[in-house]
């Protein structure tokens, strides 16, 4: 089953850059990114790339992508 955020990436002209970020999140290779903790959710973090936000859950050794969308729409996914 294809996630909504996967459809968003496939239609986006920056899909190569976004796919690299997704792979880095999956491999827990987050040193080169500025990561911000979302204050109203526990273990939720985001990475910003231009006007696109990537929200993920950071656990002990597994990171799970929750949403990828523009800054105007991203927080609707988290409600």
N, C-alpha and C. Protein backbone atom coordinates (compact mmCIF):
# COMPACT_ATOMS: atom_id res chain seq x y z
N UNK A 1 0.83 -1.18 0.00
CA UNK A 1 0.00 0.00 0.00
C UNK A 1 0.88 1.25 0.00
N UNK A 2 0.58 2.17 -0.88
CA UNK A 2 1.36 3.39 -1.01
C UNK A 2 0.84 4.42 -0.01
N UNK A 3 1.77 4.99 0.74
CA UNK A 3 1.43 6.03 1.71
C UNK A 3 1.17 7.35 0.98
N UNK A 4 0.44 8.26 1.60
CA UNK A 4 0.17 9.57 1.00
C UNK A 4 1.47 10.33 0.75
N UNK A 5 2.40 10.24 1.68
CA UNK A 5 3.64 10.98 1.52
C UNK A 5 4.47 10.43 0.36
N UNK A 6 4.34 9.14 0.05
CA UNK A 6 5.05 8.58 -1.10
C UNK A 6 4.50 9.13 -2.41
N UNK A 7 3.19 9.34 -2.48
CA UNK A 7 2.59 9.97 -3.66
C UNK A 7 3.08 11.41 -3.80
N UNK A 8 3.16 12.12 -2.68
CA UNK A 8 3.62 13.51 -2.70
C UNK A 8 5.03 13.58 -3.26
N UNK A 9 5.90 12.69 -2.81
CA UNK A 9 7.29 12.70 -3.28
C UNK A 9 7.36 12.35 -4.76
N UNK A 10 6.60 11.38 -5.21
CA UNK A 10 6.67 10.96 -6.61
C UNK A 10 6.23 12.06 -7.57
N UNK A 11 5.38 12.97 -7.13
CA UNK A 11 4.90 14.06 -7.99
C UNK A 11 5.73 15.32 -7.84
N UNK A 12 6.62 15.36 -6.88
CA UNK A 12 7.38 16.57 -6.58
C UNK A 12 8.63 16.65 -7.45
N UNK A 13 8.97 17.84 -7.99
CA UNK A 13 10.18 17.97 -8.80
C UNK A 13 11.48 17.77 -8.00
N UNK A 14 11.41 17.83 -6.68
CA UNK A 14 12.59 17.63 -5.83
C UNK A 14 12.68 16.20 -5.32
N UNK A 15 12.08 15.25 -6.03
CA UNK A 15 11.98 13.89 -5.50
C UNK A 15 13.34 13.23 -5.25
N UNK A 16 14.37 13.56 -6.02
CA UNK A 16 15.68 12.96 -5.79
C UNK A 16 16.26 13.40 -4.44
N UNK A 17 16.11 14.68 -4.13
CA UNK A 17 16.61 15.20 -2.85
C UNK A 17 15.79 14.64 -1.70
N UNK A 18 14.47 14.59 -1.87
CA UNK A 18 13.60 14.08 -0.80
C UNK A 18 13.84 12.59 -0.57
N UNK A 19 14.07 11.83 -1.63
CA UNK A 19 14.36 10.41 -1.46
C UNK A 19 15.67 10.19 -0.71
N UNK A 20 16.67 11.04 -0.96
CA UNK A 20 17.93 10.94 -0.22
C UNK A 20 17.70 11.19 1.27
N UNK A 21 16.88 12.19 1.58
CA UNK A 21 16.59 12.49 2.98
C UNK A 21 15.85 11.32 3.64
N UNK A 22 14.89 10.74 2.93
CA UNK A 22 14.14 9.59 3.45
C UNK A 22 15.08 8.42 3.72
N UNK A 23 16.00 8.16 2.82
CA UNK A 23 16.97 7.07 3.02
C UNK A 23 17.86 7.36 4.22
N UNK A 24 18.30 8.62 4.35
CA UNK A 24 19.14 8.98 5.50
C UNK A 24 18.38 8.83 6.81
N UNK A 25 17.10 9.17 6.82
CA UNK A 25 16.29 8.99 8.03
C UNK A 25 16.17 7.51 8.35
N UNK A 26 15.92 6.70 7.35
CA UNK A 26 15.78 5.25 7.56
C UNK A 26 17.06 4.62 8.07
N UNK A 27 18.20 5.12 7.59
CA UNK A 27 19.50 4.57 8.01
C UNK A 27 20.05 5.25 9.26
N UNK A 28 19.28 6.15 9.84
CA UNK A 28 19.68 6.88 11.05
C UNK A 28 20.95 7.70 10.82
N UNK A 29 21.11 8.22 9.62
CA UNK A 29 22.25 9.05 9.26
C UNK A 29 21.79 10.51 9.24
N UNK A 30 21.63 11.10 10.41
CA UNK A 30 21.00 12.41 10.55
C UNK A 30 21.96 13.53 10.90
N UNK A 31 23.25 13.29 10.81
CA UNK A 31 24.24 14.28 11.23
C UNK A 31 24.23 15.55 10.39
N UNK A 32 23.91 15.46 9.12
CA UNK A 32 23.99 16.62 8.24
C UNK A 32 22.72 17.46 8.20
N UNK A 33 21.71 17.08 8.96
CA UNK A 33 20.42 17.78 8.93
C UNK A 33 20.16 18.50 10.25
N UNK A 34 19.43 19.60 10.13
CA UNK A 34 18.95 20.29 11.33
C UNK A 34 17.60 19.67 11.67
N UNK A 35 17.54 19.04 12.81
CA UNK A 35 16.33 18.33 13.24
C UNK A 35 15.71 19.11 14.39
N UNK A 36 14.40 19.31 14.29
CA UNK A 36 13.69 20.01 15.35
C UNK A 36 12.63 19.09 15.93
N UNK A 37 12.56 19.04 17.26
CA UNK A 37 11.55 18.24 17.94
C UNK A 37 10.22 18.99 17.91
N UNK A 38 9.14 18.28 17.59
CA UNK A 38 7.82 18.89 17.63
C UNK A 38 7.35 18.91 19.07
N UNK A 39 7.02 20.07 19.55
CA UNK A 39 6.79 20.25 20.98
C UNK A 39 5.51 19.59 21.49
N UNK A 40 4.52 19.42 20.65
CA UNK A 40 3.26 18.87 21.14
C UNK A 40 3.13 17.37 20.94
N UNK A 41 4.15 16.72 20.38
CA UNK A 41 4.15 15.27 20.21
C UNK A 41 5.43 14.70 20.80
N UNK A 42 5.31 13.56 21.43
CA UNK A 42 6.50 12.92 21.99
C UNK A 42 7.15 12.06 20.91
N UNK A 43 8.46 12.16 20.77
CA UNK A 43 9.27 11.42 19.80
C UNK A 43 9.02 11.80 18.35
N UNK A 44 8.34 12.91 18.08
CA UNK A 44 8.14 13.37 16.71
C UNK A 44 9.16 14.47 16.41
N UNK A 45 9.79 14.36 15.23
CA UNK A 45 10.79 15.33 14.81
C UNK A 45 10.51 15.72 13.37
N UNK A 46 11.11 16.84 12.95
CA UNK A 46 10.94 17.25 11.56
C UNK A 46 12.26 17.74 10.99
N UNK A 47 12.38 17.55 9.69
CA UNK A 47 13.48 18.10 8.91
C UNK A 47 12.86 19.03 7.88
N UNK A 48 13.44 20.18 7.71
CA UNK A 48 12.92 21.17 6.76
C UNK A 48 13.86 21.24 5.57
N UNK A 49 13.29 21.19 4.38
CA UNK A 49 14.05 21.40 3.14
C UNK A 49 13.23 22.35 2.29
N UNK A 50 13.68 23.59 2.16
CA UNK A 50 12.93 24.67 1.52
C UNK A 50 11.56 24.80 2.16
N UNK A 51 10.48 24.67 1.43
CA UNK A 51 9.16 24.80 2.05
C UNK A 51 8.53 23.43 2.32
N UNK A 52 9.32 22.39 2.26
CA UNK A 52 8.83 21.03 2.50
C UNK A 52 9.28 20.56 3.87
N UNK A 53 8.37 19.90 4.58
CA UNK A 53 8.67 19.35 5.90
C UNK A 53 8.55 17.84 5.86
N UNK A 54 9.49 17.18 6.51
CA UNK A 54 9.47 15.72 6.64
C UNK A 54 9.36 15.43 8.13
N UNK A 55 8.27 14.83 8.54
CA UNK A 55 8.02 14.51 9.94
C UNK A 55 8.22 13.02 10.14
N UNK A 56 8.97 12.68 11.19
CA UNK A 56 9.23 11.27 11.48
C UNK A 56 9.24 11.02 12.96
N UNK A 57 9.07 9.76 13.31
CA UNK A 57 9.13 9.32 14.71
C UNK A 57 10.52 8.74 14.93
N UNK A 58 11.18 9.23 15.94
CA UNK A 58 12.52 8.78 16.27
C UNK A 58 12.44 7.86 17.47
N UNK A 59 12.77 6.59 17.26
CA UNK A 59 12.78 5.63 18.35
C UNK A 59 14.21 5.17 18.56
N UNK A 60 14.42 4.15 19.35
CA UNK A 60 15.77 3.74 19.73
C UNK A 60 16.68 3.54 18.52
N UNK A 61 16.34 2.63 17.63
CA UNK A 61 17.17 2.41 16.46
C UNK A 61 16.35 2.30 15.18
N UNK A 62 15.10 2.77 15.23
CA UNK A 62 14.23 2.75 14.04
C UNK A 62 13.54 4.10 13.92
N UNK A 63 13.63 4.69 12.74
CA UNK A 63 12.93 5.93 12.46
C UNK A 63 11.83 5.62 11.45
N UNK A 64 10.64 6.15 11.69
CA UNK A 64 9.50 5.90 10.82
C UNK A 64 8.98 7.23 10.28
N UNK A 65 8.85 7.32 8.96
CA UNK A 65 8.33 8.51 8.33
C UNK A 65 6.83 8.60 8.59
N UNK A 66 6.37 9.76 9.02
CA UNK A 66 4.95 9.97 9.30
C UNK A 66 4.30 10.77 8.17
N UNK A 67 4.95 11.85 7.74
CA UNK A 67 4.35 12.72 6.73
C UNK A 67 5.42 13.51 6.00
N UNK A 68 5.14 13.80 4.73
CA UNK A 68 5.98 14.68 3.92
C UNK A 68 5.02 15.57 3.14
N UNK A 69 5.16 16.87 3.34
CA UNK A 69 4.27 17.80 2.63
C UNK A 69 4.82 19.21 2.76
N UNK A 70 4.13 20.17 2.17
CA UNK A 70 4.55 21.56 2.27
C UNK A 70 4.28 22.09 3.68
N UNK A 71 4.88 23.19 3.98
CA UNK A 71 4.73 23.73 5.34
C UNK A 71 3.31 24.15 5.64
N UNK A 72 2.50 24.41 4.61
CA UNK A 72 1.13 24.82 4.82
C UNK A 72 0.21 23.64 5.13
N UNK A 73 0.57 22.46 4.68
CA UNK A 73 -0.31 21.30 4.81
C UNK A 73 0.18 20.23 5.79
N UNK A 74 1.40 20.29 6.20
CA UNK A 74 2.01 19.17 6.94
C UNK A 74 1.31 18.91 8.25
N UNK A 75 0.90 19.90 8.96
CA UNK A 75 0.37 19.68 10.31
C UNK A 75 -1.07 19.19 10.30
N UNK A 76 -1.73 19.24 9.14
CA UNK A 76 -3.05 18.61 9.01
C UNK A 76 -2.95 17.09 9.11
N UNK A 77 -1.83 16.55 8.65
CA UNK A 77 -1.62 15.09 8.66
C UNK A 77 -1.45 14.57 10.09
N UNK A 78 -1.03 15.43 10.98
CA UNK A 78 -0.69 14.99 12.32
C UNK A 78 -1.85 15.09 13.30
N UNK A 79 -3.00 15.57 12.85
CA UNK A 79 -4.15 15.71 13.76
C UNK A 79 -4.82 14.38 14.00
